[in-house]
Amino acid sequence: MKYIKILTILCVLVGFGCNSNRIEKPKKPKNLIKKQDMVNILYDMAILTASKGVNSELLENNGIMPQDFVFDKYGIDSLQFVLSNEYYTYDLDTYEAIFNSVKERLTKEKKHLDSLNNIEAEERKKMRDQRDSLNKINKEERGVKGTIIPSRKIDTSQLETRQ
């Protein structure tokens, strides 16, 4: 019985302690980025971040900084992005919908690129096979080195001679 009272008191204290640390919902920014624009921005950032991981030198040599590029493309600044992101983050359902849209778009793009890669691989294989068959034909036509291939005799008896 004594333990139940102590456990009840602890639960009440923990409950009050957690309620006092609630995060307040951020105010809606005046220049809130639309949900679809957030999807596009996060998609572009994901693509550019991945490309930077693959070949950062190429981006740097062309003076492309992924975040700056995306912000310029959409006419926003970093503060506007951070405030909009913070606002959407508070509403988990909305933020999850935004990220699911980005994920769906990335998955669709990956499938498209994979199909293009498969087509290119098939074309390369077809060209290799054609090259190999042409090489084989050329070797057969040349025959064994040093062998004289007999030529046809031409009947010259009926040709006119010129003077």
Protein backbone atom coordinates (compact mmCIF):
# COMPACT_ATOMS: atom_id res chain seq x y z
CA MET A 1 0.00 0.00 0.00
CA LYS A 2 2.85 2.30 0.88
CA TYR A 3 4.45 1.68 -2.51
CA ILE A 4 1.24 2.48 -4.36
CA LYS A 5 1.03 5.91 -2.62
CA ILE A 6 4.68 6.66 -3.50
CA LEU A 7 4.15 5.53 -7.10
CA THR A 8 1.01 7.70 -7.39
CA ILE A 9 2.86 10.75 -6.05
CA LEU A 10 5.74 10.15 -8.48
CA CYS A 11 3.35 9.86 -11.43
CA VAL A 12 1.63 13.11 -10.46
CA LEU A 13 4.97 14.93 -10.11
CA VAL A 14 6.23 13.61 -13.45
CA GLY A 15 2.94 14.56 -15.10
CA PHE A 16 3.13 18.15 -13.82
CA GLY A 17 6.81 18.33 -14.71
CA CYS A 18 6.19 17.31 -18.31
CA ASN A 19 3.30 19.73 -18.75
CA SER A 20 5.35 22.72 -17.69
CA ASN A 21 7.94 22.01 -20.44
CA ARG A 22 5.48 22.04 -23.33
CA ILE A 23 6.77 23.53 -26.52
CA GLU A 24 4.60 26.36 -27.68
CA LYS A 25 3.33 26.28 -31.22
CA PRO A 26 5.36 28.74 -33.27
CA LYS A 27 3.53 31.70 -34.74
CA LYS A 28 2.65 31.47 -38.40
CA PRO A 29 5.33 33.44 -40.28
CA LYS A 30 4.14 36.33 -42.43
CA ASN A 31 5.99 34.92 -45.42
CA LEU A 32 5.21 31.23 -44.82
CA ILE A 33 6.36 29.03 -47.67
CA LYS A 34 3.46 27.10 -49.21
CA LYS A 35 3.35 23.35 -48.59
CA GLN A 36 3.92 22.45 -52.26
CA ASP A 37 6.86 24.87 -52.42
CA MET A 38 8.32 23.21 -49.31
CA VAL A 39 8.02 19.86 -51.08
CA ASN A 40 9.86 21.27 -54.10
CA ILE A 41 12.53 22.93 -51.96
CA LEU A 42 13.18 19.81 -49.88
CA TYR A 43 13.24 17.68 -53.06
CA ASP A 44 15.81 19.98 -54.72
CA MET A 45 17.89 20.05 -51.55
CA ALA A 46 17.87 16.25 -51.39
CA ILE A 47 18.99 15.97 -55.03
CA LEU A 48 21.72 18.58 -54.66
CA THR A 49 22.95 17.14 -51.38
CA ALA A 50 23.18 13.69 -52.98
CA SER A 51 25.03 15.11 -55.99
CA LYS A 52 27.41 16.92 -53.68
CA GLY A 53 28.15 13.60 -52.02
CA VAL A 54 28.90 12.03 -55.39
CA ASN A 55 31.02 14.80 -56.92
CA SER A 56 31.42 17.86 -54.72
CA GLU A 57 34.36 19.09 -56.80
CA LEU A 58 32.14 19.57 -59.86
CA LEU A 59 29.68 21.71 -57.90
CA GLU A 60 32.43 23.72 -56.22
CA ASN A 61 34.28 24.33 -59.50
CA ASN A 62 31.06 25.71 -60.98
CA GLY A 63 30.47 27.86 -57.90
CA ILE A 64 27.27 26.06 -56.90
CA MET A 65 26.46 25.95 -53.21
CA PRO A 66 23.39 23.69 -52.93
CA GLN A 67 21.49 25.63 -50.26
CA ASP A 68 22.18 29.02 -51.85
CA PHE A 69 21.20 27.65 -55.26
CA VAL A 70 17.83 26.41 -53.96
CA PHE A 71 17.13 29.60 -52.03
CA ASP A 72 17.85 31.70 -55.12
CA LYS A 73 15.73 29.41 -57.30
CA TYR A 74 12.67 29.87 -55.09
CA GLY A 75 13.33 33.49 -54.15
CA ILE A 76 13.59 32.81 -50.42
CA ASP A 77 16.23 33.37 -47.77
CA SER A 78 17.51 31.06 -45.06
CA LEU A 79 15.48 32.75 -42.30
CA GLN A 80 12.23 32.34 -44.23
CA PHE A 81 13.06 28.67 -44.79
CA VAL A 82 13.94 28.06 -41.13
CA LEU A 83 10.79 29.77 -39.83
CA SER A 84 8.55 27.93 -42.31
CA ASN A 85 10.26 24.64 -41.55
CA GLU A 86 9.82 25.23 -37.81
CA TYR A 87 6.14 26.06 -38.31
CA TYR A 88 5.49 22.89 -40.34
CA THR A 89 7.56 20.74 -37.95
CA TYR A 90 5.22 21.50 -35.08
CA ASP A 91 2.29 19.91 -36.97
CA LEU A 92 3.60 16.38 -37.43
CA ASP A 93 0.80 15.28 -39.77
CA THR A 94 1.49 18.14 -42.18
CA TYR A 95 5.25 17.66 -41.97
CA GLU A 96 4.88 13.93 -42.54
CA ALA A 97 2.72 14.63 -45.61
CA ILE A 98 5.40 17.00 -46.94
CA PHE A 99 8.14 14.41 -46.44
CA ASN A 100 6.01 11.62 -47.91
CA SER A 101 5.53 13.75 -51.03
CA VAL A 102 9.29 14.30 -51.27
CA LYS A 103 9.96 10.59 -50.74
CA GLU A 104 7.35 9.60 -53.34
CA ARG A 105 8.85 12.01 -55.86
CA LEU A 106 12.40 10.75 -55.21
CA THR A 107 11.24 7.14 -55.56
CA LYS A 108 9.47 7.90 -58.84
CA GLU A 109 12.56 9.68 -60.19
CA LYS A 110 14.78 6.76 -59.11
CA LYS A 111 12.57 4.26 -60.96
CA HIS A 112 12.71 6.45 -64.08
CA LEU A 113 16.50 6.75 -63.93
CA ASP A 114 16.88 3.02 -63.26
CA SER A 115 14.80 2.22 -66.35
CA LEU A 116 16.97 4.58 -68.44
CA ASN A 117 20.11 2.87 -67.09
CA ASN A 118 18.66 -0.53 -67.99
CA ILE A 119 17.91 0.65 -71.53
CA GLU A 120 21.46 2.00 -71.89
CA ALA A 121 22.92 -1.27 -70.58
CA GLU A 122 20.85 -3.26 -73.09
CA GLU A 123 22.00 -0.97 -75.93
CA ARG A 124 25.66 -1.37 -74.89
CA LYS A 125 25.25 -5.15 -74.76
CA LYS A 126 23.62 -5.18 -78.19
CA MET A 127 26.46 -3.08 -79.65
CA ARG A 128 29.09 -5.36 -78.03
CA ASP A 129 27.38 -8.43 -79.48
CA GLN A 130 27.27 -6.82 -82.95
CA ARG A 131 30.94 -5.85 -82.72
CA ASP A 132 31.89 -9.35 -81.61
CA SER A 133 29.94 -10.97 -84.46
CA LEU A 134 31.57 -8.60 -87.01
CA ASN A 135 35.01 -9.43 -85.64
CA LYS A 136 34.23 -13.13 -85.98
CA ILE A 137 33.08 -12.68 -89.59
CA ASN A 138 36.20 -10.65 -90.43
CA LYS A 139 38.45 -13.37 -89.01
CA GLU A 140 36.66 -16.06 -91.03
CA GLU A 141 36.96 -14.01 -94.27
CA ARG A 142 40.68 -13.46 -93.79
CA GLY A 143 41.22 -17.16 -93.44
CA VAL A 144 44.32 -18.70 -91.97
CA LYS A 145 47.39 -16.47 -92.37
CA GLY A 146 49.54 -17.47 -95.38
CA THR A 147 46.81 -19.42 -97.16
CA ILE A 148 46.21 -18.37 -100.74
CA ILE A 149 42.57 -18.18 -101.64
CA PRO A 150 42.14 -19.44 -105.25
CA SER A 151 40.77 -16.88 -107.67
CA ARG A 152 38.43 -17.48 -110.57
CA LYS A 153 39.93 -17.83 -114.02
CA ILE A 154 38.67 -15.26 -116.49
CA ASP A 155 38.11 -16.18 -120.13
CA THR A 156 40.03 -13.53 -122.07
CA SER A 157 39.62 -15.05 -125.53
CA GLN A 158 36.66 -12.93 -126.40
CA LEU A 159 38.10 -9.62 -125.31
CA GLU A 160 39.05 -7.18 -128.01
CA THR A 161 42.56 -5.95 -128.06
CA ARG A 162 43.19 -2.25 -128.38
CA GLN A 163 45.89 -0.77 -130.44
